[in-house]
Amino acid sequence: MKLRTLIALLFIELFFQRLYAQEFIGQHTGNYAGINRATFNPSAIAGSRYRYHINLVSFNSTITNRYFKYFRNDALFHPFRNAYTESEMYGKSKLTGTYTQGPNVNVQSELRIPSGYMGVGRNNWLVIGFQSRMRGFVQGSGVPPIISEIYTNRLDDGLAKPSSGSFKDFTMNQHSFFETGLTFAAMLRLEGIIRIKVGATLKRLSGARNVFLNIKSANYQVRSVSQDEYVFDLSNVNYEYGYTQPVQSFGLGSLFSSDYGSGAAVDLGATVELGRIREHAQYRANYIVRFGAAITDAGFINYPATGKQYSGTLPKLTIDQERIIDIGNNSVKNLEATFGKSDSKTYSYQTQLPRTINMDADVQFAKSFFINATWIKPTNIGTLPTYIYQPQIFTLTPRFEAEDAEFTLPVSWIEGNKGPTVGFSFRFGPIFFGFSNFGALVNRSVQPRGSMAYFGVQLWKLNEKALTKRKKN
């Protein structure tokens, strides 16, 4: 296998100019997903097709069909935050979108930097892996329609409409953190018909940050100030906001420093493969049915007692587009400038990770053709902003896979949406990419407008014995 680096880099640039749309949906169930499978079920990489697998870099984020820039700066409404700089990131065409409908916002981004594993022993019965990734979440509850309209349409494009009303219990919060983990997976083979796999990932969390805004109650009015410009007037605003760290100078050590928050988590999983197909190529997955179950992100982030929290009531507040941009650029500084610093308290929370139970069944109907059913159920209980929540998801995925190519067509039912979303993914050589909601890419009427999109570059080496036998045949 040759890695054509120049072509890959050009593809990255072109691809992210055109993206629209769960976590690598359609890819996490494949037998050639390598280390990227371990975040869904750490046992899945035992007995791997690969002697080693390296993820060079991969991205996964919620986006819309507008231009998408991944490395976002300090912005309350953006999923992935570099908490140490400020510059304008909220533009006409730089909006992300939630992948759920209604009053709940779910936006996330993830950057996986070099990670990989090595197989040991016959049939790679023991696999040891290393994971490193940066993760960001933006979530909202009780989001009133007027807030969604203002954020999507802006106040200076002539798309806003005069309106008035009231809302309450509106919360937006953002979490970001760096994660490193060690994965251990082993396979027990019984008579070649039953294969049992177990695995675990031990994770350290660092470089964490949390910002939140809660408007407990407010009256509002959208009014015109010129032909294209509007303002958002709020009255009797009962608010609360807080943050764990202000914008600071960035250093590589910040990613590993407990000064920004730290924690630990564990993933546990088991997989059972049953049956064999006669005259099946040894370098391909050979089972009739595969069952997997795992619990992931069982852990917490502890924030130090260095944050600030404020609350109070404002009789009147006027917000224009420039103010929205300011809050997006530097949420801490501009939340303070907008709402003030009354009733100051220390902001120090323990945040529960988005713990989920992941279950899947994978059936091989013909050689290299599979249908997978995946169920992802959240198990953590709480309220924003003190925890990270992900919606329940059920996905059916037809899949064709081979060593150098793979195609999937995932259909997902996501809690909070009225209907299913249809996506697709490709893997060709060292590159893979995909979407969870392709309809939103090509049709503006499709809801929700947000979708997960992902891209990655990887390296691998097949099991030597299987590869040698393949060449002889």
Protein backbone atom coordinates (compact mmCIF):
# COMPACT_ATOMS: atom_id res chain seq x y z
CA MET A 1 0.00 0.00 0.00
CA LYS A 2 1.38 3.40 -0.99
CA LEU A 3 0.45 6.55 0.86
CA ARG A 4 0.38 9.35 -1.66
CA THR A 5 0.90 12.15 0.79
CA LEU A 6 0.54 15.05 -1.61
CA ILE A 7 -2.76 13.77 -3.01
CA ALA A 8 -4.05 13.16 0.48
CA LEU A 9 -3.21 16.69 1.62
CA LEU A 10 -4.84 18.22 -1.46
CA PHE A 11 -7.90 16.07 -0.84
CA ILE A 12 -8.13 17.31 2.74
CA GLU A 13 -8.13 20.92 1.58
CA LEU A 14 -10.71 20.38 -1.16
CA PHE A 15 -12.91 18.14 0.92
CA PHE A 16 -13.33 20.54 3.80
CA GLN A 17 -14.37 23.29 1.43
CA ARG A 18 -17.48 21.26 0.51
CA LEU A 19 -18.58 19.27 3.55
CA TYR A 20 -22.17 19.24 4.77
CA ALA A 21 -23.99 17.05 6.76
CA GLN A 22 -22.60 9.87 15.74
CA GLU A 23 -19.14 9.36 15.91
CA PHE A 24 -17.62 8.02 12.65
CA ILE A 25 -21.01 6.51 11.93
CA GLY A 26 -20.78 3.78 9.33
CA GLN A 27 -17.06 3.32 10.04
CA HIS A 28 -16.94 2.31 13.68
CA THR A 29 -18.53 -1.09 12.95
CA GLY A 30 -16.21 -2.14 10.09
CA ASN A 31 -13.55 -4.82 10.54
CA TYR A 32 -10.95 -2.55 8.91
CA ALA A 33 -11.59 0.54 11.04
CA GLY A 34 -8.58 -0.28 13.21
CA ILE A 35 -7.93 1.89 16.26
CA ASN A 36 -11.00 4.01 15.41
CA ARG A 37 -13.18 1.06 16.46
CA ALA A 38 -11.76 1.06 19.96
CA THR A 39 -13.63 4.20 21.03
CA PHE A 40 -16.92 2.43 20.30
CA ASN A 41 -15.92 -0.96 21.78
CA PRO A 42 -12.35 -1.57 22.98
CA SER A 43 -12.66 -5.36 22.54
CA ALA A 44 -13.30 -4.97 18.80
CA ILE A 45 -9.62 -4.67 17.85
CA ALA A 46 -8.62 -8.08 19.29
CA GLY A 47 -8.00 -10.62 16.54
CA SER A 48 -7.56 -7.71 14.15
CA ARG A 49 -6.96 -8.12 10.42
CA TYR A 50 -3.96 -5.83 10.90
CA ARG A 51 -0.62 -6.54 12.54
CA TYR A 52 -0.58 -2.82 13.27
CA HIS A 53 -2.86 0.12 12.50
CA ILE A 54 -2.03 3.82 12.78
CA ASN A 55 -4.51 6.67 12.60
CA LEU A 56 -2.43 9.62 11.36
CA VAL A 57 -5.19 12.18 11.75
CA SER A 58 -8.98 12.19 11.63
CA PHE A 59 -11.74 14.75 12.15
CA ASN A 60 -15.34 14.32 13.23
CA SER A 61 -17.73 17.23 13.67
CA THR A 62 -21.27 18.54 13.39
CA ILE A 63 -21.57 20.89 10.44
CA THR A 64 -24.01 22.38 7.94
CA ASN A 65 -23.66 22.81 4.20
CA ARG A 66 -22.00 26.16 4.69
CA TYR A 67 -18.24 26.51 4.71
CA PHE A 68 -16.71 24.75 7.70
CA LYS A 69 -13.51 25.65 9.50
CA TYR A 70 -12.51 23.06 12.03
CA PHE A 71 -10.02 24.77 14.29
CA ARG A 72 -12.40 27.07 16.07
CA ASN A 73 -11.31 29.62 18.60
CA ASP A 74 -12.88 30.78 21.83
CA ALA A 75 -16.59 30.76 20.96
CA LEU A 76 -19.51 29.86 23.18
CA PHE A 77 -21.61 28.46 20.35
CA HIS A 78 -18.89 26.52 18.56
CA PRO A 79 -18.14 22.91 19.42
CA PHE A 80 -14.38 22.85 19.33
CA ARG A 81 -12.54 25.52 21.24
CA ASN A 82 -8.97 26.60 21.53
CA ALA A 83 -9.41 28.34 24.84
CA TYR A 84 -6.33 30.50 24.56
CA THR A 85 -6.86 32.90 21.64
CA GLU A 86 -9.50 35.18 20.22
CA SER A 87 -10.34 36.12 16.62
CA GLU A 88 -13.53 36.46 14.62
CA MET A 89 -14.96 33.02 13.87
CA TYR A 90 -18.67 33.83 13.67
CA GLY A 91 -19.23 34.84 10.04
CA LYS A 92 -22.13 34.66 7.60
CA SER A 93 -21.03 31.27 6.31
CA LYS A 94 -19.19 29.82 9.29
CA LEU A 95 -22.07 28.26 11.20
CA THR A 96 -22.27 24.79 12.60
CA GLY A 97 -25.59 23.01 13.06
CA THR A 98 -27.13 20.75 15.67
CA TYR A 99 -27.93 17.18 14.60
CA THR A 100 -31.12 17.14 16.68
CA GLN A 101 -34.33 19.09 16.23
CA GLY A 102 -36.44 20.94 18.76
CA PRO A 103 -35.34 22.79 21.91
CA ASN A 104 -32.17 20.72 22.50
CA VAL A 105 -28.88 21.56 20.80
CA ASN A 106 -26.26 18.85 20.26
CA VAL A 107 -23.04 19.86 18.54
CA GLN A 108 -19.70 18.12 18.83
CA SER A 109 -16.26 18.03 17.29
CA GLU A 110 -13.33 15.71 17.64
CA LEU A 111 -9.75 15.70 16.44
CA ARG A 112 -7.90 12.39 16.65
CA ILE A 113 -4.16 12.86 16.47
CA PRO A 114 -1.67 10.00 15.93
CA SER A 115 -3.00 6.86 17.57
CA GLY A 116 -2.58 3.19 16.86
CA TYR A 117 -2.15 -0.38 18.02
CA MET A 118 0.07 -3.43 17.59
CA GLY A 119 -1.10 -7.05 17.46
CA VAL A 120 0.79 -9.78 19.30
CA GLY A 121 0.73 -13.56 18.87
CA ARG A 122 -1.10 -15.88 16.53
CA ASN A 123 -4.12 -14.24 14.87
CA ASN A 124 -3.29 -11.09 16.85
CA TRP A 125 -4.94 -12.60 19.92
CA LEU A 126 -3.53 -9.74 22.03
CA VAL A 127 -3.64 -6.11 20.90
CA ILE A 128 -2.19 -3.10 22.70
CA GLY A 129 -3.18 0.37 21.55
CA PHE A 130 -2.71 4.06 22.29
CA GLN A 131 -5.33 6.77 21.73
CA SER A 132 -5.11 10.55 21.75
CA ARG A 133 -7.86 12.94 20.82
CA MET A 134 -9.29 16.40 21.52
CA ARG A 135 -13.04 16.58 22.07
CA GLY A 136 -15.50 19.45 22.21
CA PHE A 137 -19.23 19.63 22.94
CA VAL A 138 -21.77 22.45 22.72
CA GLN A 139 -25.16 21.65 24.15
CA GLY A 140 -28.34 23.56 24.81
CA SER A 141 -31.64 22.90 26.51
CA GLY A 142 -34.86 24.89 26.38
CA VAL A 143 -33.60 26.75 23.32
CA PRO A 144 -36.47 29.03 22.20
CA PRO A 145 -37.19 29.27 18.46
CA ILE A 146 -36.30 32.97 18.43
CA ILE A 147 -32.73 32.22 19.57
CA SER A 148 -32.31 29.62 16.83
CA GLU A 149 -33.66 32.04 14.22
CA ILE A 150 -31.34 34.86 15.28
CA TYR A 151 -28.29 32.64 15.36
CA THR A 152 -29.03 31.08 11.97
CA ASN A 153 -30.27 34.15 10.06
CA ARG A 154 -28.22 36.84 11.80
CA LEU A 155 -29.53 40.29 12.59
CA ASP A 156 -27.83 42.14 9.72
CA ASP A 157 -28.86 40.17 6.62
CA GLY A 158 -32.42 41.44 6.29
CA LEU A 159 -33.76 37.96 7.10
CA ALA A 160 -34.97 38.71 10.61
CA LYS A 161 -38.64 39.48 11.26
CA PRO A 162 -40.18 41.74 13.94
CA SER A 163 -41.52 39.66 16.82
CA SER A 164 -41.97 39.67 20.58
CA GLY A 165 -42.58 37.24 23.40
CA SER A 166 -40.87 35.63 26.36
CA PHE A 167 -38.89 32.52 27.23
CA LYS A 168 -37.37 30.84 30.26
CA ASP A 169 -34.91 28.12 31.31
CA PHE A 170 -32.61 28.56 28.31
CA THR A 171 -29.15 27.06 28.84
CA MET A 172 -26.10 26.79 26.59
CA ASN A 173 -22.87 25.20 27.71
CA GLN A 174 -19.57 24.11 26.19
CA HIS A 175 -17.02 21.52 27.26
CA SER A 176 -13.64 20.77 25.71
CA PHE A 177 -10.87 18.46 26.87
CA PHE A 178 -7.86 16.43 25.79
CA GLU A 179 -7.91 12.65 26.17
CA THR A 180 -5.13 10.04 26.16
CA GLY A 181 -5.75 6.34 26.65
CA LEU A 182 -4.22 2.87 26.67
CA THR A 183 -6.26 0.04 25.18
CA PHE A 184 -5.81 -3.67 25.88
CA ALA A 185 -7.81 -6.30 24.01
CA ALA A 186 -7.56 -10.10 23.90
CA MET A 187 -9.30 -12.90 21.99
CA LEU A 188 -10.14 -16.43 23.08
CA ARG A 189 -10.66 -18.82 20.15
CA LEU A 190 -12.73 -21.97 20.73
CA GLU A 191 -12.58 -24.67 17.99
CA GLY A 192 -12.43 -21.96 15.35
CA ILE A 193 -16.22 -21.46 15.50
CA ILE A 194 -16.61 -19.18 18.52
CA ARG A 195 -14.33 -16.24 19.18
CA ILE A 196 -14.70 -14.26 22.41
CA LYS A 197 -13.01 -10.89 22.76
CA VAL A 198 -12.65 -8.60 25.75
CA GLY A 199 -11.07 -5.19 26.02
CA ALA A 200 -10.61 -2.07 28.11
CA THR A 201 -9.32 1.46 27.65
CA LEU A 202 -7.96 3.48 30.56
CA LYS A 203 -8.13 7.20 29.87
CA ARG A 204 -6.69 10.35 31.37
CA LEU A 205 -8.51 13.63 30.74
CA SER A 206 -6.74 16.98 30.81
CA GLY A 207 -6.84 20.49 29.44
CA ALA A 208 -10.56 20.71 30.22
CA ARG A 209 -12.68 23.84 29.99
CA ASN A 210 -16.34 24.69 30.55
CA VAL A 211 -18.39 27.85 29.85
CA PHE A 212 -22.14 28.19 30.31
CA LEU A 213 -24.95 30.72 30.06
CA ASN A 214 -28.40 30.26 31.63
CA ILE A 215 -31.21 32.75 31.05
CA LYS A 216 -33.79 31.74 33.60
CA SER A 217 -36.44 34.12 32.24
CA ALA A 218 -36.68 37.10 29.90
CA ASN A 219 -39.03 39.06 27.65
CA TYR A 220 -37.84 39.84 24.13
CA GLN A 221 -38.56 42.00 21.10
CA VAL A 222 -36.94 41.89 17.65
CA ARG A 223 -37.14 45.33 16.05
CA SER A 224 -35.80 46.93 12.90
CA VAL A 225 -33.23 49.75 13.04
CA SER A 226 -32.65 49.96 9.26
CA GLN A 227 -33.65 48.15 6.10
CA ASP A 228 -31.41 45.15 6.76
CA GLU A 229 -30.45 45.50 10.42
CA TYR A 230 -32.38 44.42 13.49
CA VAL A 231 -31.68 44.33 17.21
CA PHE A 232 -32.76 41.88 19.91
CA ASP A 233 -34.15 43.69 22.97
CA LEU A 234 -34.37 41.76 26.24
CA SER A 235 -36.10 42.97 29.40
CA ASN A 236 -36.35 41.62 32.95
CA VAL A 237 -33.44 39.27 32.22
CA ASN A 238 -32.82 36.82 35.04
CA TYR A 239 -29.44 35.26 34.18
CA GLU A 240 -26.53 33.17 35.40
CA TYR A 241 -23.24 32.36 33.69
CA GLY A 242 -19.87 30.91 34.58
CA TYR A 243 -16.55 29.64 33.28
CA THR A 244 -13.65 27.56 34.53
CA GLN A 245 -10.88 29.48 32.75
CA PRO A 246 -10.64 32.79 30.89
CA VAL A 247 -8.73 33.10 27.63
CA GLN A 248 -5.03 32.55 28.35
CA SER A 249 -1.74 32.21 26.53
CA PHE A 250 -1.43 28.77 24.99
CA GLY A 251 1.32 26.29 25.74
CA LEU A 252 1.64 22.63 24.85
CA GLY A 253 1.81 21.82 28.54
CA SER A 254 -1.71 23.22 28.92
CA LEU A 255 -3.08 20.06 27.32
CA PHE A 256 -1.65 17.98 30.15
CA SER A 257 -2.00 20.46 33.01
CA SER A 258 -4.37 19.82 35.90
CA ASP A 259 -4.72 23.60 36.24
CA TYR A 260 -7.38 23.49 33.53
CA GLY A 261 -9.21 20.49 34.93
CA SER A 262 -8.39 16.80 34.97
CA GLY A 263 -10.04 13.45 35.31
CA ALA A 264 -10.07 9.78 34.43
CA ALA A 265 -12.41 7.44 32.58
CA VAL A 266 -12.67 3.85 31.40
CA ASP A 267 -14.20 2.01 28.44
CA LEU A 268 -15.08 -1.68 28.81
CA GLY A 269 -16.28 -4.01 26.08
CA ALA A 270 -16.85 -7.59 24.94
CA THR A 271 -17.45 -9.14 21.51
CA VAL A 272 -18.56 -12.61 20.40
CA GLU A 273 -18.14 -13.88 16.82
CA LEU A 274 -20.04 -17.00 15.75
CA GLY A 275 -19.78 -19.26 12.70
CA ARG A 276 -17.56 -19.51 9.64
CA ILE A 277 -17.98 -19.27 5.88
CA ARG A 278 -16.36 -22.00 3.80
CA GLU A 279 -13.55 -21.05 1.42
CA HIS A 280 -13.48 -17.56 2.83
CA ALA A 281 -10.30 -15.51 2.35
CA GLN A 282 -8.32 -15.54 5.59
CA TYR A 283 -7.45 -11.87 5.36
CA ARG A 284 -11.15 -10.98 5.58
CA ALA A 285 -13.51 -11.19 8.52
CA ASN A 286 -14.93 -14.72 8.72
CA TYR A 287 -18.02 -14.98 10.90
CA ILE A 288 -21.75 -15.35 10.36
CA VAL A 289 -22.81 -13.05 13.16
CA ARG A 290 -20.99 -10.79 15.60
CA PHE A 291 -22.41 -9.38 18.84
CA GLY A 292 -20.76 -6.58 20.77
CA ALA A 293 -21.51 -4.63 23.96
CA ALA A 294 -19.55 -1.88 25.66
CA ILE A 295 -19.81 0.94 28.16
CA THR A 296 -17.78 3.99 27.22
CA ASP A 297 -16.80 7.29 28.85
CA ALA A 298 -17.44 6.12 32.40
CA GLY A 299 -15.67 8.90 34.25
CA PHE A 300 -15.51 12.53 35.33
CA ILE A 301 -13.68 15.81 34.83
CA ASN A 302 -12.85 17.80 37.96
CA TYR A 303 -12.46 21.55 37.49
CA PRO A 304 -10.25 23.47 39.94
CA ALA A 305 -11.72 26.19 42.16
CA THR A 306 -10.35 28.94 39.91
CA GLY A 307 -13.47 29.66 37.84
CA LYS A 308 -16.05 32.39 38.28
CA GLN A 309 -19.83 32.34 38.34
CA TYR A 310 -22.16 35.36 38.25
CA SER A 311 -25.92 35.87 38.45
CA GLY A 312 -28.40 38.71 38.59
CA THR A 313 -31.25 40.56 36.87
CA LEU A 314 -31.03 43.20 34.14
CA PRO A 315 -34.00 45.52 33.47
CA LYS A 316 -33.00 45.93 29.79
CA LEU A 317 -30.41 44.56 27.40
CA THR A 318 -30.03 45.26 23.67
CA ILE A 319 -28.09 42.79 21.51
CA ASP A 320 -27.07 43.47 17.93
CA GLN A 321 -25.11 41.34 15.47
CA GLU A 322 -21.81 42.81 16.61
CA ARG A 323 -22.54 41.76 20.18
CA ILE A 324 -23.32 38.20 19.05
CA ILE A 325 -20.00 38.14 17.19
CA ASP A 326 -18.19 39.44 20.28
CA ILE A 327 -19.66 36.70 22.47
CA GLY A 328 -18.69 34.19 19.83
CA ASN A 329 -15.11 35.48 19.67
CA ASN A 330 -14.42 35.57 23.39
CA SER A 331 -17.29 34.25 25.45
CA VAL A 332 -15.71 34.94 28.84
CA LYS A 333 -14.74 38.57 28.28
CA ASN A 334 -17.91 39.48 26.44
CA LEU A 335 -20.31 37.65 28.74
CA GLU A 336 -18.80 39.75 31.51
CA ALA A 337 -19.14 42.90 29.41
CA THR A 338 -22.74 42.06 28.47
CA PHE A 339 -24.17 40.83 31.76
CA GLY A 340 -21.79 42.27 34.36
CA LYS A 341 -20.17 40.64 37.40
CA SER A 342 -22.82 40.76 40.09
CA ASP A 343 -23.14 38.15 42.87
CA SER A 344 -19.73 36.60 42.22
CA LYS A 345 -19.12 32.97 43.27
CA THR A 346 -16.46 30.35 42.73
CA TYR A 347 -17.19 28.08 39.77
CA SER A 348 -15.92 24.56 40.46
CA TYR A 349 -17.77 21.52 39.12
CA GLN A 350 -17.31 17.82 38.61
CA THR A 351 -18.62 17.06 35.14
CA GLN A 352 -19.75 13.59 34.15
CA LEU A 353 -18.67 12.43 30.70
CA PRO A 354 -21.27 11.34 28.10
CA ARG A 355 -21.36 7.75 29.39
CA THR A 356 -23.14 5.43 26.96
CA ILE A 357 -23.96 1.77 26.47
CA ASN A 358 -23.03 0.71 22.93
CA MET A 359 -24.47 -2.49 21.50
CA ASP A 360 -24.27 -3.82 17.97
CA ALA A 361 -25.06 -6.94 15.93
CA ASP A 362 -23.23 -7.55 12.66
CA VAL A 363 -24.44 -10.20 10.19
CA GLN A 364 -22.46 -11.34 7.13
CA PHE A 365 -25.08 -12.19 4.50
CA ALA A 366 -22.55 -12.84 1.73
CA LYS A 367 -18.78 -12.71 1.44
CA SER A 368 -17.76 -9.19 2.49
CA PHE A 369 -21.38 -7.92 2.64
CA PHE A 370 -22.72 -7.10 6.11
CA ILE A 371 -25.70 -5.46 7.76
CA ASN A 372 -25.06 -3.90 11.14
CA ALA A 373 -27.54 -2.76 13.81
CA THR A 374 -26.16 -0.35 16.42
CA TRP A 375 -27.82 0.99 19.54
CA ILE A 376 -26.20 3.79 21.55
CA LYS A 377 -27.97 4.65 24.81
CA PRO A 378 -26.84 7.40 27.24
CA THR A 379 -26.74 6.39 30.91
CA ASN A 380 -25.60 9.54 32.70
CA ILE A 381 -28.31 11.56 34.42
CA GLY A 382 -28.18 15.25 35.23
CA THR A 383 -28.82 18.74 33.95
CA LEU A 384 -26.75 21.25 32.02
CA PRO A 385 -24.16 22.58 32.55
CA THR A 386 -22.77 20.01 34.98
CA TYR A 387 -22.79 17.03 32.64
CA ILE A 388 -22.37 16.12 28.98
CA TYR A 389 -25.32 14.44 27.35
CA GLN A 390 -25.68 12.63 24.03
CA PRO A 391 -29.03 11.53 22.53
CA GLN A 392 -30.04 7.92 22.06
CA ILE A 393 -29.27 6.59 18.57
CA PHE A 394 -30.28 3.47 16.64
CA THR A 395 -28.61 2.82 13.27
CA LEU A 396 -28.96 0.22 10.52
CA THR A 397 -25.93 0.06 8.23
CA PRO A 398 -25.52 -2.06 5.08
CA ARG A 399 -21.77 -2.43 4.47
CA PHE A 400 -19.43 -3.81 1.83
CA GLU A 401 -15.86 -4.13 3.04
CA ALA A 402 -12.53 -5.30 1.70
CA GLU A 403 -8.91 -4.63 2.57
CA ASP A 404 -8.56 -1.50 0.40
CA ALA A 405 -12.14 -0.31 -0.04
CA GLU A 406 -15.36 -0.02 1.92
CA PHE A 407 -18.79 1.53 1.43
CA THR A 408 -21.55 1.97 4.01
CA LEU A 409 -25.07 3.43 3.97
CA PRO A 410 -26.06 4.17 7.59
CA VAL A 411 -29.70 5.03 8.40
CA SER A 412 -30.05 6.57 11.88
CA TRP A 413 -32.97 7.25 14.20
CA ILE A 414 -31.77 9.94 16.63
CA GLU A 415 -33.73 10.87 19.74
CA GLY A 416 -35.25 14.32 19.25
CA ASN A 417 -35.68 14.04 15.47
CA LYS A 418 -38.96 13.43 13.66
CA GLY A 419 -37.55 10.98 11.11
CA PRO A 420 -34.42 9.04 10.20
CA THR A 421 -31.28 10.53 8.69
CA VAL A 422 -29.48 8.78 5.83
CA GLY A 423 -25.73 9.01 5.41
CA PHE A 424 -22.88 7.28 3.64
CA SER A 425 -19.18 6.64 4.05
CA PHE A 426 -16.27 5.57 1.84
CA ARG A 427 -12.90 4.09 2.65
CA PHE A 428 -10.42 3.88 -0.21
CA GLY A 429 -6.81 3.04 0.52
CA PRO A 430 -5.51 5.22 3.36
CA ILE A 431 -8.40 7.72 3.26
CA PHE A 432 -11.93 7.49 4.65
CA PHE A 433 -14.74 10.03 4.85
CA GLY A 434 -18.48 10.12 5.47
CA PHE A 435 -21.66 11.89 6.57
CA SER A 436 -24.51 10.93 8.86
CA ASN A 437 -27.13 13.08 7.08
CA PHE A 438 -26.47 13.29 3.35
CA GLY A 439 -29.97 14.63 2.61
CA ALA A 440 -29.12 17.87 4.39
CA LEU A 441 -26.12 18.24 2.09
CA VAL A 442 -28.21 18.37 -1.07
CA ASN A 443 -31.60 19.65 0.09
CA ARG A 444 -32.23 22.67 2.31
CA SER A 445 -35.68 21.41 3.30
CA VAL A 446 -34.22 18.39 5.09
CA GLN A 447 -34.26 18.68 8.88
CA PRO A 448 -32.24 18.70 11.02
CA ARG A 449 -29.82 20.96 9.17
CA GLY A 450 -26.81 19.65 11.09
CA SER A 451 -25.01 16.39 10.43
CA MET A 452 -21.89 14.60 11.53
CA ALA A 453 -19.09 14.61 8.95
CA TYR A 454 -15.73 12.92 9.26
CA PHE A 455 -12.47 12.38 7.45
CA GLY A 456 -9.28 10.46 8.24
CA VAL A 457 -5.92 9.21 6.98
CA GLN A 458 -4.49 5.91 8.22
CA LEU A 459 -1.66 3.41 7.76
CA TRP A 460 -1.69 -0.32 8.36
CA LYS A 461 0.02 -3.65 7.84
CA LEU A 462 -1.94 -6.87 7.38
CA ASN A 463 -1.23 -9.99 9.39
CA GLU A 464 1.88 -11.44 7.73
CA LYS A 465 0.65 -15.04 7.52
CA ALA A 466 -2.69 -14.06 5.99
CA LEU A 467 -1.02 -11.75 3.50
CA THR A 468 1.50 -14.44 2.45
CA LYS A 469 -1.24 -16.98 1.90
CA ARG A 470 -3.21 -14.46 -0.14
CA LYS A 471 -0.27 -13.82 -2.47
CA LYS A 472 0.36 -17.56 -3.01
CA ASN A 473 -3.28 -18.09 -3.97
